[in-house]
Amino acid sequence: MARINNVMGTSDLTEYMRRYKLTMPTQVARIITSQPKIPLKSFINEENKHKVNDAGLDLLERMLTYDKNERILPRDAMKHAFFAPIRALREGSQ
């Protein structure tokens, strides 16, 4: 949980917990520190930049959401622009 918090930030977690009136277990509260959200683009480097595109980052951002009610559904994820090349290949083979 602490590693997730280190990337996704504390403010979204706090808002999620406040919205649903949740309390953090004491053991978790001890290891969670206030962190800003790290933009996913900051993880791009020379070694991986050829594997990254804006559609993939957008999809990942929609998947990495604390609130399950705001998180992209699997069916909608499959319709996301990131998978358009796969859909085009599939349609072309029919």
Foldseek 3Di string as FASTA:
>chain_A
DQVLCQAQFDVLVVVQCVVVVHDDPPVVVVSHDGHHHHQPVVPDDPVCVVVDDPQVSVLVVLQSHPDPVSRDDPVVSCVGPVCVVVVVVVVVVD
